[in-house]
Every structure is written in C-alpha cells, then in structure tokens.
PDB file of N, CA and C in Angstrom:
ATOM      1  N   MET A   1      64.692 126.154 146.456  1.00  0.00           N
ATOM      2  CA  MET A   1      64.616 127.734 146.225  1.00  0.00           C
ATOM      3  C   MET A   1      64.944 128.082 144.447  1.00  0.00           C
ATOM      4  N   GLU A   2      64.084 128.383 143.666  1.00  0.00           N
ATOM      5  CA  GLU A   2      64.191 128.290 142.253  1.00  0.00           C
ATOM      6  C   GLU A   2      65.124 129.577 142.024  1.00  0.00           C
ATOM      7  N   GLN A   3      65.711 129.746 141.144  1.00  0.00           N
ATOM      8  CA  GLN A   3      66.724 130.869 140.893  1.00  0.00           C
ATOM      9  C   GLN A   3      66.500 131.182 139.374  1.00  0.00           C
ATOM     10  N   ASN A   4      66.240 132.464 139.055  1.00  0.00           N
ATOM     11  CA  ASN A   4      65.701 132.816 137.900  1.00  0.00           C
ATOM     12  C   ASN A   4      67.073 133.498 137.258  1.00  0.00           C
ATOM     13  N   ASN A   5      67.587 133.030 136.525  1.00  0.00           N
ATOM     14  CA  ASN A   5      68.836 133.580 135.450  1.00  0.00           C
ATOM     15  C   ASN A   5      68.114 134.688 134.675  1.00  0.00           C
ATOM     16  N   ILE A   6      68.430 135.794 134.591  1.00  0.00           N
ATOM     17  CA  ILE A   6      68.093 137.003 133.685  1.00  0.00           C
ATOM     18  C   ILE A   6      69.515 137.595 132.990  1.00  0.00           C
ATOM     19  N   THR A   7      69.297 137.443 131.549  1.00  0.00           N
ATOM     20  CA  THR A   7      70.665 138.002 130.830  1.00  0.00           C
ATOM     21  C   THR A   7      69.777 139.081 129.932  1.00  0.00           C
ATOM     22  N   GLN A   8      70.613 140.348 130.256  1.00  0.00           N
ATOM     23  CA  GLN A   8      69.987 141.720 129.614  1.00  0.00           C
ATOM     24  C   GLN A   8      71.251 141.844 128.452  1.00  0.00           C
ATOM     25  N   VAL A   9      70.597 142.356 127.411  1.00  0.00           N
ATOM     26  CA  VAL A   9      71.558 142.424 126.389  1.00  0.00           C
ATOM     27  C   VAL A   9      71.025 143.969 125.826  1.00  0.00           C
ATOM     28  N   HIS A  10      71.940 144.688 125.895  1.00  0.00           N
ATOM     29  CA  HIS A  10      71.395 146.119 125.627  1.00  0.00           C
ATOM     30  C   HIS A  10      71.958 146.962 124.086  1.00  0.00           C
ATOM     31  N   GLY A  11      71.225 147.195 123.277  1.00  0.00           N
ATOM     32  CA  GLY A  11      71.727 147.885 122.091  1.00  0.00           C
ATOM     33  C   GLY A  11      71.378 147.028 121.184  1.00  0.00           C
ATOM     34  N   ILE A  12      70.388 145.969 121.040  1.00  0.00           N
ATOM     35  CA  ILE A  12      70.255 144.958 120.002  1.00  0.00           C
ATOM     36  C   ILE A  12      68.740 144.295 120.343  1.00  0.00           C
ATOM     37  N   THR A  13      68.161 144.379 119.040  1.00  0.00           N
ATOM     38  CA  THR A  13      66.773 143.615 119.402  1.00  0.00           C
ATOM     39  C   THR A  13      66.927 142.386 119.689  1.00  0.00           C
ATOM     40  N   PRO A  14      65.838 141.563 119.925  1.00  0.00           N
ATOM     41  CA  PRO A  14      65.845 139.959 120.087  1.00  0.00           C
ATOM     42  C   PRO A  14      65.968 139.283 118.795  1.00  0.00           C
ATOM     43  N   GLN A  15      65.323 139.956 117.765  1.00  0.00           N
ATOM     44  CA  GLN A  15      65.661 139.846 116.169  1.00  0.00           C
ATOM     45  C   GLN A  15      66.959 139.723 115.373  1.00  0.00           C
ATOM     46  N   GLN A  16      67.688 140.917 115.924  1.00  0.00           N
ATOM     47  CA  GLN A  16      68.841 141.293 115.625  1.00  0.00           C
ATOM     48  C   GLN A  16      69.954 139.641 116.343  1.00  0.00           C
ATOM     49  N   LEU A  17      69.521 139.580 117.807  1.00  0.00           N
ATOM     50  CA  LEU A  17      70.232 138.413 118.690  1.00  0.00           C
ATOM     51  C   LEU A  17      70.181 137.299 118.012  1.00  0.00           C
ATOM     52  N   ARG A  18      68.925 136.981 117.931  1.00  0.00           N
ATOM     53  CA  ARG A  18      68.666 135.687 117.074  1.00  0.00           C
ATOM     54  C   ARG A  18      69.416 135.335 115.460  1.00  0.00           C
ATOM     55  N   GLU A  19      69.343 136.575 114.935  1.00  0.00           N
ATOM     56  CA  GLU A  19      70.088 136.527 113.458  1.00  0.00           C
ATOM     57  C   GLU A  19      71.685 136.156 113.765  1.00  0.00           C
ATOM     58  N   ASN A  20      72.286 136.854 114.813  1.00  0.00           N
ATOM     59  CA  ASN A  20      73.452 136.691 115.131  1.00  0.00           C
ATOM     60  C   ASN A  20      74.103 135.703 115.417  1.00  0.00           C
ATOM     61  N   ILE A  21      73.258 134.968 116.096  1.00  0.00           N
ATOM     62  CA  ILE A  21      73.677 133.475 116.758  1.00  0.00           C
ATOM     63  C   ILE A  21      73.509 132.505 115.471  1.00  0.00           C
ATOM     64  N   LEU A  22      72.344 132.701 114.567  1.00  0.00           N
ATOM     65  CA  LEU A  22      71.896 131.978 113.508  1.00  0.00           C
ATOM     66  C   LEU A  22      73.474 131.877 112.768  1.00  0.00           C
ATOM     67  N   ALA A  23      73.847 133.138 112.284  1.00  0.00           N
ATOM     68  CA  ALA A  23      74.698 133.310 111.538  1.00  0.00           C
ATOM     69  C   ALA A  23      76.388 132.489 112.104  1.00  0.00           C
ATOM     70  N   ASP A  24      76.408 132.485 113.281  1.00  0.00           N
ATOM     71  CA  ASP A  24      77.633 132.190 113.857  1.00  0.00           C
ATOM     72  C   ASP A  24      77.265 130.476 113.879  1.00  0.00           C
ATOM     73  N   VAL A  25      76.464 130.264 114.031  1.00  0.00           N
ATOM     74  CA  VAL A  25      76.101 128.595 114.152  1.00  0.00           C
ATOM     75  C   VAL A  25      76.299 128.261 112.891  1.00  0.00           C
ATOM     76  N   ARG A  26      75.808 129.000 111.544  1.00  0.00           N
ATOM     77  CA  ARG A  26      75.920 128.357 110.408  1.00  0.00           C
ATOM     78  C   ARG A  26      77.210 128.751 109.987  1.00  0.00           C
ATOM     79  N   THR A  27      78.037 129.376 110.266  1.00  0.00           N
ATOM     80  CA  THR A  27      79.418 129.918 109.992  1.00  0.00           C
ATOM     81  C   THR A  27      80.546 128.374 110.366  1.00  0.00           C
ATOM     82  N   GLU A  28      80.094 127.984 111.731  1.00  0.00           N
ATOM     83  CA  GLU A  28      80.629 126.879 112.365  1.00  0.00           C
ATOM     84  C   GLU A  28      80.223 125.729 111.871  1.00  0.00           C
ATOM     85  N   LEU A  29      78.966 125.321 111.197  1.00  0.00           N
ATOM     86  CA  LEU A  29      78.661 124.395 110.668  1.00  0.00           C
ATOM     87  C   LEU A  29      79.250 124.243 109.618  1.00  0.00           C
ATOM     88  N   LYS A  30      79.469 125.217 108.744  1.00  0.00           N
ATOM     89  CA  LYS A  30      80.094 125.212 107.236  1.00  0.00           C
ATOM     90  C   LYS A  30      81.837 124.706 107.561  1.00  0.00           C
ATOM     91  N   GLU A  31      82.023 125.109 108.327  1.00  0.00           N
ATOM     92  CA  GLU A  31      83.647 124.981 108.668  1.00  0.00           C
ATOM     93  C   GLU A  31      83.715 123.745 109.188  1.00  0.00           C
ATOM     94  N   ILE A  32      82.863 123.034 109.949  1.00  0.00           N
ATOM     95  CA  ILE A  32      83.040 121.507 110.275  1.00  0.00           C
ATOM     96  C   ILE A  32      82.665 120.636 108.980  1.00  0.00           C
ATOM     97  N   ILE A  33      81.627 120.905 108.121  1.00  0.00           N
ATOM     98  CA  ILE A  33      81.755 120.610 106.917  1.00  0.00           C
ATOM     99  C   ILE A  33      82.583 120.077 106.015  1.00  0.00           C
ATOM    100  N   LEU A  34      83.120 121.308 105.937  1.00  0.00           N
ATOM    101  CA  LEU A  34      84.608 121.310 105.307  1.00  0.00           C
ATOM    102  C   LEU A  34      85.639 120.545 105.651  1.00  0.00           C
ATOM    103  N   ASN A  35      85.694 120.423 107.148  1.00  0.00           N
ATOM    104  CA  ASN A  35      86.800 119.513 107.590  1.00  0.00           C
ATOM    105  C   ASN A  35      86.578 118.443 107.947  1.00  0.00           C
ATOM    106  N   PHE A  36      85.045 117.883 107.754  1.00  0.00           N
ATOM    107  CA  PHE A  36      84.881 116.553 108.102  1.00  0.00           C
ATOM    108  C   PHE A  36      85.423 115.483 107.084  1.00  0.00           C
ATOM    109  N   GLN A  37      86.021 114.507 107.722  1.00  0.00           N
ATOM    110  CA  GLN A  37      86.567 113.466 106.488  1.00  0.00           C
ATOM    111  C   GLN A  37      86.108 112.304 107.337  1.00  0.00           C
ATOM    112  N   PRO A  38      85.270 111.245 106.474  1.00  0.00           N
ATOM    113  CA  PRO A  38      84.534 110.345 107.384  1.00  0.00           C
ATOM    114  C   PRO A  38      85.675 109.235 107.718  1.00  0.00           C
ATOM    115  N   LYS A  39      85.624 108.603 108.428  1.00  0.00           N
ATOM    116  CA  LYS A  39      86.509 107.056 108.760  1.00  0.00           C
ATOM    117  C   LYS A  39      86.202 106.169 107.602  1.00  0.00           C
ATOM    118  N   LYS A  40      87.378 105.758 106.863  1.00  0.00           N
ATOM    119  CA  LYS A  40      87.516 104.887 106.003  1.00  0.00           C
ATOM    120  C   LYS A  40      87.657 103.704 106.514  1.00  0.00           C
ATOM    121  N   GLN A  41      86.788 102.557 106.240  1.00  0.00           N
ATOM    122  CA  GLN A  41      86.994 101.538 106.582  1.00  0.00           C
ATOM    123  C   GLN A  41      88.076 100.477 106.011  1.00  0.00           C
ATOM    124  N   PRO A  42      88.876  99.969 106.814  1.00  0.00           N
ATOM    125  CA  PRO A  42      90.038  99.176 105.713  1.00  0.00           C
ATOM    126  C   PRO A  42      89.361  97.990 105.053  1.00  0.00           C
ATOM    127  N   GLU A  43      90.006  97.938 103.983  1.00  0.00           N
ATOM    128  CA  GLU A  43      89.709  96.860 102.866  1.00  0.00           C
ATOM    129  C   GLU A  43      90.535  95.709 103.124  1.00  0.00           C
ATOM    130  N   TYR A  44      89.616  94.408 103.318  1.00  0.00           N
ATOM    131  CA  TYR A  44      90.536  93.231 103.543  1.00  0.00           C
ATOM    132  C   TYR A  44      90.592  92.407 102.418  1.00  0.00           C
ATOM    133  N   LEU A  45      91.398  91.846 101.901  1.00  0.00           N
ATOM    134  CA  LEU A  45      91.867  91.302 100.848  1.00  0.00           C
ATOM    135  C   LEU A  45      92.103  89.481 101.175  1.00  0.00           C
ATOM    136  N   THR A  46      91.688  88.706 100.277  1.00  0.00           N
ATOM    137  CA  THR A  46      91.729  87.264 100.587  1.00  0.00           C
ATOM    138  C   THR A  46      93.358  86.987  99.947  1.00  0.00           C
ATOM    139  N   ARG A  47      93.790  85.784 100.303  1.00  0.00           N
ATOM    140  CA  ARG A  47      95.246  85.172 100.007  1.00  0.00           C
ATOM    141  C   ARG A  47      95.333  85.038  98.453  1.00  0.00           C
ATOM    142  N   LYS A  48      94.293  84.612  97.792  1.00  0.00           N
ATOM    143  CA  LYS A  48      94.201  84.702  96.487  1.00  0.00           C
ATOM    144  C   LYS A  48      94.420  85.696  95.667  1.00  0.00           C
ATOM    145  N   GLU A  49      93.737  86.929  96.160  1.00  0.00           N
ATOM    146  CA  GLU A  49      93.564  88.478  95.585  1.00  0.00           C
ATOM    147  C   GLU A  49      94.879  88.884  95.769  1.00  0.00           C
ATOM    148  N   VAL A  50      95.482  88.762  97.204  1.00  0.00           N
ATOM    149  CA  VAL A  50      96.922  89.577  97.325  1.00  0.00           C
ATOM    150  C   VAL A  50      98.013  88.740  96.443  1.00  0.00           C
ATOM    151  N   ALA A  51      97.623  87.392  96.395  1.00  0.00           N
ATOM    152  CA  ALA A  51      98.829  86.580  95.289  1.00  0.00           C
ATOM    153  C   ALA A  51      99.131  87.038  94.002  1.00  0.00           C
ATOM    154  N   LYS A  52      97.494  87.280  93.598  1.00  0.00           N
ATOM    155  CA  LYS A  52      97.446  87.939  92.323  1.00  0.00           C
ATOM    156  C   LYS A  52      97.919  89.456  92.010  1.00  0.00           C
ATOM    157  N   ILE A  53      97.737  90.222  93.304  1.00  0.00           N
ATOM    158  CA  ILE A  53      98.377  91.452  93.173  1.00  0.00           C
ATOM    159  C   ILE A  53      99.419  91.774  92.930  1.00  0.00           C
ATOM    160  N   LEU A  54     100.331  90.873  93.849  1.00  0.00           N
ATOM    161  CA  LEU A  54     101.887  90.765  94.093  1.00  0.00           C
ATOM    162  C   LEU A  54     102.449  89.989  92.992  1.00  0.00           C
ATOM    163  N   LYS A  55     101.754  89.232  92.199  1.00  0.00           N
ATOM    164  CA  LYS A  55     102.094  88.097  91.004  1.00  0.00           C
ATOM    165  C   LYS A  55     102.870  87.221  91.957  1.00  0.00           C
ATOM    166  N   VAL A  56     102.592  86.611  92.897  1.00  0.00           N
ATOM    167  CA  VAL A  56     103.554  85.655  93.584  1.00  0.00           C
ATOM    168  C   VAL A  56     102.654  84.529  93.730  1.00  0.00           C
ATOM    169  N   SER A  57     103.132  83.059  94.348  1.00  0.00           N
ATOM    170  CA  SER A  57     102.117  82.080  94.397  1.00  0.00           C
ATOM    171  C   SER A  57     101.904  81.860  95.748  1.00  0.00           C
ATOM    172  N   LEU A  58     100.943  81.079  96.213  1.00  0.00           N
ATOM    173  CA  LEU A  58     100.365  81.240  97.296  1.00  0.00           C
ATOM    174  C   LEU A  58     101.321  80.562  98.575  1.00  0.00           C
ATOM    175  N   VAL A  59     102.388  79.723  98.114  1.00  0.00           N
ATOM    176  CA  VAL A  59     103.576  79.374  98.845  1.00  0.00           C
ATOM    177  C   VAL A  59     104.328  80.491  99.301  1.00  0.00           C
ATOM    178  N   THR A  60     104.589  81.337  98.151  1.00  0.00           N
ATOM    179  CA  THR A  60     105.265  82.523  98.189  1.00  0.00           C
ATOM    180  C   THR A  60     104.568  83.214  99.616  1.00  0.00           C
ATOM    181  N   LEU A  61     103.429  83.593  99.400  1.00  0.00           N
ATOM    182  CA  LEU A  61     102.680  84.192 100.519  1.00  0.00           C
ATOM    183  C   LEU A  61     102.825  83.771 101.717  1.00  0.00           C
ATOM    184  N   SER A  62     102.669  82.510 101.791  1.00  0.00           N
ATOM    185  CA  SER A  62     102.891  81.821 103.397  1.00  0.00           C
ATOM    186  C   SER A  62     104.306  82.173 103.852  1.00  0.00           C
ATOM    187  N   ASP A  63     105.253  81.941 102.777  1.00  0.00           N
ATOM    188  CA  ASP A  63     106.832  82.191 103.130  1.00  0.00           C
ATOM    189  C   ASP A  63     106.771  83.490 103.892  1.00  0.00           C
ATOM    190  N   TRP A  64     105.914  84.692 102.977  1.00  0.00           N
ATOM    191  CA  TRP A  64     106.226  86.044 103.452  1.00  0.00           C
ATOM    192  C   TRP A  64     105.607  86.246 104.909  1.00  0.00           C
ATOM    193  N   ASN A  65     104.634  85.659 104.784  1.00  0.00           N
ATOM    194  CA  ASN A  65     103.774  85.551 106.349  1.00  0.00           C
ATOM    195  C   ASN A  65     104.764  85.087 107.479  1.00  0.00           C
ATOM    196  N   LYS A  66     105.595  84.052 107.455  1.00  0.00           N
ATOM    197  CA  LYS A  66     106.586  83.598 108.268  1.00  0.00           C
ATOM    198  C   LYS A  66     107.498  84.664 108.405  1.00  0.00           C
ATOM    199  N   LYS A  67     108.081  84.964 107.764  1.00  0.00           N
ATOM    200  CA  LYS A  67     109.104  86.291 107.606  1.00  0.00           C
ATOM    201  C   LYS A  67     108.711  87.417 108.155  1.00  0.00           C
ATOM    202  N   GLY A  68     107.360  87.574 108.283  1.00  0.00           N
ATOM    203  CA  GLY A  68     106.903  88.802 108.739  1.00  0.00           C
ATOM    204  C   GLY A  68     106.964  89.910 107.786  1.00  0.00           C
ATOM    205  N   VAL A  69     107.103  89.652 106.199  1.00  0.00           N
ATOM    206  CA  VAL A  69     107.004  90.612 105.161  1.00  0.00           C
ATOM    207  C   VAL A  69     105.797  91.099 105.144  1.00  0.00           C
ATOM    208  N   LEU A  70     105.014  90.067 105.171  1.00  0.00           N
ATOM    209  CA  LEU A  70     103.234  90.659 105.188  1.00  0.00           C
ATOM    210  C   LEU A  70     102.717  90.326 106.307  1.00  0.00           C
ATOM    211  N   LYS A  71     101.484  91.276 106.938  1.00  0.00           N
ATOM    212  CA  LYS A  71     101.001  91.119 108.107  1.00  0.00           C
ATOM    213  C   LYS A  71      99.792  90.301 107.846  1.00  0.00           C
ATOM    214  N   PRO A  72      99.435  89.232 108.004  1.00  0.00           N
ATOM    215  CA  PRO A  72      98.166  88.650 107.788  1.00  0.00           C
ATOM    216  C   PRO A  72      96.978  88.897 109.078  1.00  0.00           C
ATOM    217  N   TYR A  73      95.969  88.979 109.028  1.00  0.00           N
ATOM    218  CA  TYR A  73      94.679  88.879 110.169  1.00  0.00           C
ATOM    219  C   TYR A  73      94.048  87.654 109.981  1.00  0.00           C
ATOM    220  N   ARG A  74      93.841  87.099 111.021  1.00  0.00           N
ATOM    221  CA  ARG A  74      93.030  86.149 110.972  1.00  0.00           C
ATOM    222  C   ARG A  74      91.656  86.563 111.445  1.00  0.00           C
ATOM    223  N   LEU A  75      90.323  86.089 110.648  1.00  0.00           N
ATOM    224  CA  LEU A  75      88.905  86.314 110.892  1.00  0.00           C
ATOM    225  C   LEU A  75      88.378  85.123 110.996  1.00  0.00           C
ATOM    226  N   GLY A  76      88.420  84.363 112.121  1.00  0.00           N
ATOM    227  CA  GLY A  76      87.783  83.061 112.205  1.00  0.00           C
ATOM    228  C   GLY A  76      89.109  81.988 111.789  1.00  0.00           C
ATOM    229  N   ASN A  77      88.609  81.163 110.775  1.00  0.00           N
ATOM    230  CA  ASN A  77      89.296  80.264 110.185  1.00  0.00           C
ATOM    231  C   ASN A  77      90.145  81.261 108.693  1.00  0.00           C
ATOM    232  N   LEU A  78      89.899  82.113 108.425  1.00  0.00           N
ATOM    233  CA  LEU A  78      90.246  82.928 107.115  1.00  0.00           C
ATOM    234  C   LEU A  78      91.112  83.530 107.535  1.00  0.00           C
ATOM    235  N   ILE A  79      92.185  83.743 106.482  1.00  0.00           N
ATOM    236  CA  ILE A  79      93.140  84.635 106.646  1.00  0.00           C
ATOM    237  C   ILE A  79      92.916  85.994 105.695  1.00  0.00           C
ATOM    238  N   ARG A  80      93.147  87.238 105.938  1.00  0.00           N
ATOM    239  CA  ARG A  80      93.059  88.324 105.087  1.00  0.00           C
ATOM    240  C   ARG A  80      94.153  89.398 105.220  1.00  0.00           C
ATOM    241  N   TYR A  81      94.311  90.221 104.633  1.00  0.00           N
ATOM    242  CA  TYR A  81      95.372  91.444 104.158  1.00  0.00           C
ATOM    243  C   TYR A  81      94.619  92.592 104.259  1.00  0.00           C
ATOM    244  N   LYS A  82      94.948  93.795 104.930  1.00  0.00           N
ATOM    245  CA  LYS A  82      94.730  94.796 104.498  1.00  0.00           C
ATOM    246  C   LYS A  82      95.142  95.634 103.337  1.00  0.00           C
ATOM    247  N   SER A  83      94.747  95.886 102.332  1.00  0.00           N
ATOM    248  CA  SER A  83      95.002  96.461 101.070  1.00  0.00           C
ATOM    249  C   SER A  83      96.142  97.632 101.281  1.00  0.00           C
ATOM    250  N   SER A  84      95.888  98.188 102.462  1.00  0.00           N
ATOM    251  CA  SER A  84      96.603  99.576 102.246  1.00  0.00           C
ATOM    252  C   SER A  84      97.837  99.234 103.147  1.00  0.00           C
ATOM    253  N   GLU A  85      98.065  97.972 103.754  1.00  0.00           N
ATOM    254  CA  GLU A  85      99.449  97.635 103.977  1.00  0.00           C
ATOM    255  C   GLU A  85     100.493  96.955 102.620  1.00  0.00           C
ATOM    256  N   LEU A  86      99.726  96.665 101.733  1.00  0.00           N
ATOM    257  CA  LEU A  86     100.462  96.080 100.904  1.00  0.00           C
ATOM    258  C   LEU A  86     101.593  96.918 100.373  1.00  0.00           C
ATOM    259  N   GLU A  87     101.202  98.304 100.128  1.00  0.00           N
ATOM    260  CA  GLU A  87     102.382  98.933  99.525  1.00  0.00           C
ATOM    261  C   GLU A  87     103.708  99.023 100.427  1.00  0.00           C
ATOM    262  N   THR A  88     103.308  99.126 101.776  1.00  0.00           N
ATOM    263  CA  THR A  88     104.449  98.990 102.661  1.00  0.00           C
ATOM    264  C   THR A  88     104.882  97.503 102.544  1.00  0.00           C
ATOM    265  N   ALA A  89     104.230  96.908 102.427  1.00  0.00           N
ATOM    266  CA  ALA A  89     105.176  95.447 102.234  1.00  0.00           C
ATOM    267  C   ALA A  89     105.808  95.448 100.768  1.00  0.00           C
ATOM    268  N   LEU A  90     105.493  95.587  99.921  1.00  0.00           N
ATOM    269  CA  LEU A  90     106.457  95.765  98.497  1.00  0.00           C
ATOM    270  C   LEU A  90     107.358  96.686  98.847  1.00  0.00           C
ATOM    271  N   ILE A  91     107.465  97.695  99.401  1.00  0.00           N
ATOM    272  CA  ILE A  91     108.645  98.592  99.687  1.00  0.00           C
ATOM    273  C   ILE A  91     109.684  97.602 100.507  1.00  0.00           C
ATOM    274  N   SER A  92     109.022  96.961 101.729  1.00  0.00           N
ATOM    275  CA  SER A  92     110.126  96.172 102.484  1.00  0.00           C
ATOM    276  C   SER A  92     110.622  95.287 101.666  1.00  0.00           C
ATOM    277  N   ILE A  93     109.801  94.729 100.482  1.00  0.00           N
ATOM    278  CA  ILE A  93     110.338  93.651  99.802  1.00  0.00           C
ATOM    279  C   ILE A  93     111.449  94.027  98.971  1.00  0.00           C
ATOM    280  N   ASN A  94     111.225  94.991  98.261  1.00  0.00           N
ATOM    281  CA  ASN A  94     112.064  95.759  97.846  1.00  0.00           C
ATOM    282  C   ASN A  94     113.472  96.239  98.423  1.00  0.00           C
ATOM    283  N   SER A  95     113.300  96.662  99.232  1.00  0.00           N
ATOM    284  CA  SER A  95     114.463  97.375 100.021  1.00  0.00           C
ATOM    285  C   SER A  95     115.479  95.771 100.549  1.00  0.00           C
ATOM    286  N   LYS A  96     114.855  94.436 100.734  1.00  0.00           N
ATOM    287  CA  LYS A  96     115.452  93.524 101.223  1.00  0.00           C
ATOM    288  C   LYS A  96     116.223  93.172 100.061  1.00  0.00           C
ATOM    289  N   ILE A  97     115.877  92.932  98.687  1.00  0.00           N
ATOM    290  CA  ILE A  97     116.276  92.590  97.669  1.00  0.00           C
ATOM    291  C   ILE A  97     117.660  93.307  96.896  1.00  0.00           C
ATOM    292  N   ASN A  98     117.265  94.451  96.957  1.00  0.00           N
ATOM    293  CA  ASN A  98     118.501  95.494  96.783  1.00  0.00           C
ATOM    294  C   ASN A  98     119.489  95.542  97.579  1.00  0.00           C
TER     295      ASN A  98
END
C-alpha cells in the first residue's frame, strides 16, 4: 500500500520557497568553505636531510634514535623522519643540555 506524503505550505509561493531553500543552502555552503581545512600530508625527510637541518653527523642521528630523542619511521628498508616532529625534538635536546 503506497502512502502519499503531502506537505502544505501556506502564505508562500513555490518560487519563494525555492529561493528560501537555495539561500539557506548557499549560506551553509559558504560557512563550510570558510571553515574547511584540507588535511595536510606529513612530509618525510631522509636521514641526510635531517642531519643537514640539525647540523649533526649521521652517527649522532643514529645515537639520538637509540636514545629516543628522534622518532624514526621505517618505510621498508628506508628510515624517514616527520618534518613536523623535528621542532619538538630540538626542544627536547635543548632541555636535556640545559
């Protein structure tokens, strides 16, 4: 048995209803666009790049890996570091020195 749903709107023309709905949808879309932040992919750096940035040798870098100062990520046989974590590591290194 089919049911027919009927919605009645009084005091407004179909064109006015359409315009009101479109205006509200546009307003919501503008708000979404203003608040939209695309997800930023993490940037991975090689051991040599990190050593150059931190101005240390690869041996020191390996030592810091073992001590937990830096967090290396393994991608197959490769070791990479997140560039976003380097600043945190520098703060950690400086606090241990002082």
